[in-house]
Every structure is written in C-alpha cells, then in structure tokens.
Amino acid sequence: MILSKKQIAFLRGKANTLKPIFQVGKDGVSENFIEGIDLALTSHELIKIAVLKTAPEELRTLSLDIIAPLKAYIVQIIGRTIVLYRPSKKRIIELP
C-alpha cells in the first residue's frame, strides 16, 4: 500500500492535535524503542516522535531507521518531529 497525496494531507490534519509520545535522544534508536513504537502504532496508527538535538544521527536517517523494521510510513517531518502512520487490523483511522 502506498499513501496518496490526499491521504497524506488527511493524516497531516489528524496529526496536528497529537503530542509526541516518544523522544529520540543521545542514545538513538534501540530495539526497545522500536518495540515501544510498534505497540503504539498498533493501538493508535498515527503517532508523533520528537527528536532531540542530542540525537546521534541526522533526522532523515533516523526516521528511516525507525520505519524500516516497522513497515510504517513517514507522513511528515516538521522541525524535529516525525509523524508516522501504520494501518492496524482494527482500522482506527479510515483513509479517504
């Protein structure tokens, strides 16, 4: 599944009111971090991750490291915040 521009715009609108529920700091991305994001995506489908200035990698590289094992989509990178989406089996968010 590939997200269309209309779907990405819809998800960006939904993400406006969300607060980041994870932070990436100087320790970077660990297996436990990925497992936590996996659980959050399963229950919420759409989440925000804050990346602190102390993060060891560039923002783009870091986001790709996060989504690769999760099979999630990057909806948006704005400032130092990454918005991720992954549909769950229960379909909480109905895409247009």
Foldseek 3Di string as FASTA:
>chain_A
DDDDPQQLVVLVVVCPPADAPEEAALVADDPVNLVVVLVVCQVPQKHKYAYDPRHPDDQVVSVCVNCVVNVWDFSDCDDRMTMIGDAYPVGPDDTD
